[in-house]
Amino acid sequence: MRIDPDKCVACGNCTYVCPMGAIYIDPVIRRATVNRDECVECYACYNGLSQEHLNPTLVRTVRKVFQMMRLRFDPEPDVCPTAAFAPEELTWPRVVRRAFSDPRVPHESTGVEGRGTEEVKTNDVSGRVNVGEVGFTIEFGRPGVGVWIREIQEMSVVLARADVAFEKKNPITSLMSDVAAGTIRQDILNEKVLSAILEIKVPVERTEEVIRLVWEVEKRLETVVAIGVGTRCDPDGEDRTVAPILERLGYKLERAKTNMGLGRITNSPPAVRQTEGAR
């Protein structure tokens, strides 16, 4: 993202919208400026502010007159009065930033918007994790922090050495130059994104091993790492395999995302008719 210095009047409204704190008022040129290293191209500033298209010269003149009269005028906080934002045509590798940071943009590799993956929470219809397996979603970054792709690679390389299975329908996996080694394309390692998810799965008996590996690597990363665990429940809806392992490791279990199976692809026509008849 770029801010046109000829249009900007340094009202400062955009500095509060940026989730990465990448916009600041440059004291030298007295204009809002984007720190390109920290900008993740999420377009929150461009899409989050209304734009009035006022004449910049007129706005600056009015503000000076108000200052001379010792009058204070606070513009609407959700408006860019002169429509100073100038989105750039993003090319490779910078376009990777927007793919992971703008929730309205679908990833080319998966066609899914947001972080580009349906995640293990869709397992009742996608069947990503089978009986006897456990799926992990390792999430990097948060608003205000973000994550460098090179930090994700530091985790993926360690996991690859442990011989885990990377989810194929995941945008990070699609950007790997060598999936077996967990290495990501060299030309995007210095790109920063708002957040991203690495997905793997292993046999249930390796649950603790993987969690301890994540603990070990996250201590070296300058970002936020959140780990999610998914497994198939018993026929009665309980998890008596993975839950005890997590509790032993100090986790308090919360079923924040439990699908009810309403879209289950195994529903047969007779079962559907029987359900309808029982209403």
Foldseek 3Di string as FASTA:
>chain_A
DFFALQQFPLLVLLCVQALQSQWDQDPVSRGIGGNVLRDLQQCSSVVQAAEQQDHRVVVNVVVVVCVVVVHDDRDDSRHRDNSRDDDDDDDPPSVVSNQARHQVHEDPLQRHGHQRDPPCLVCLAPVPADAQKKKKKKKWAARNFWFFQLLVLLLQQLVLVVVWAWDPRGVQCVQAPDNSRSHGDPRRRSRTYRMHITMTMDGLVCVVVSVVSCVVSVVVGRTDIDMDMDHDADPVRHNPRNVVVCVVVPDDDDPPRHDPSPVRPPDDPVNVVVVVVVD
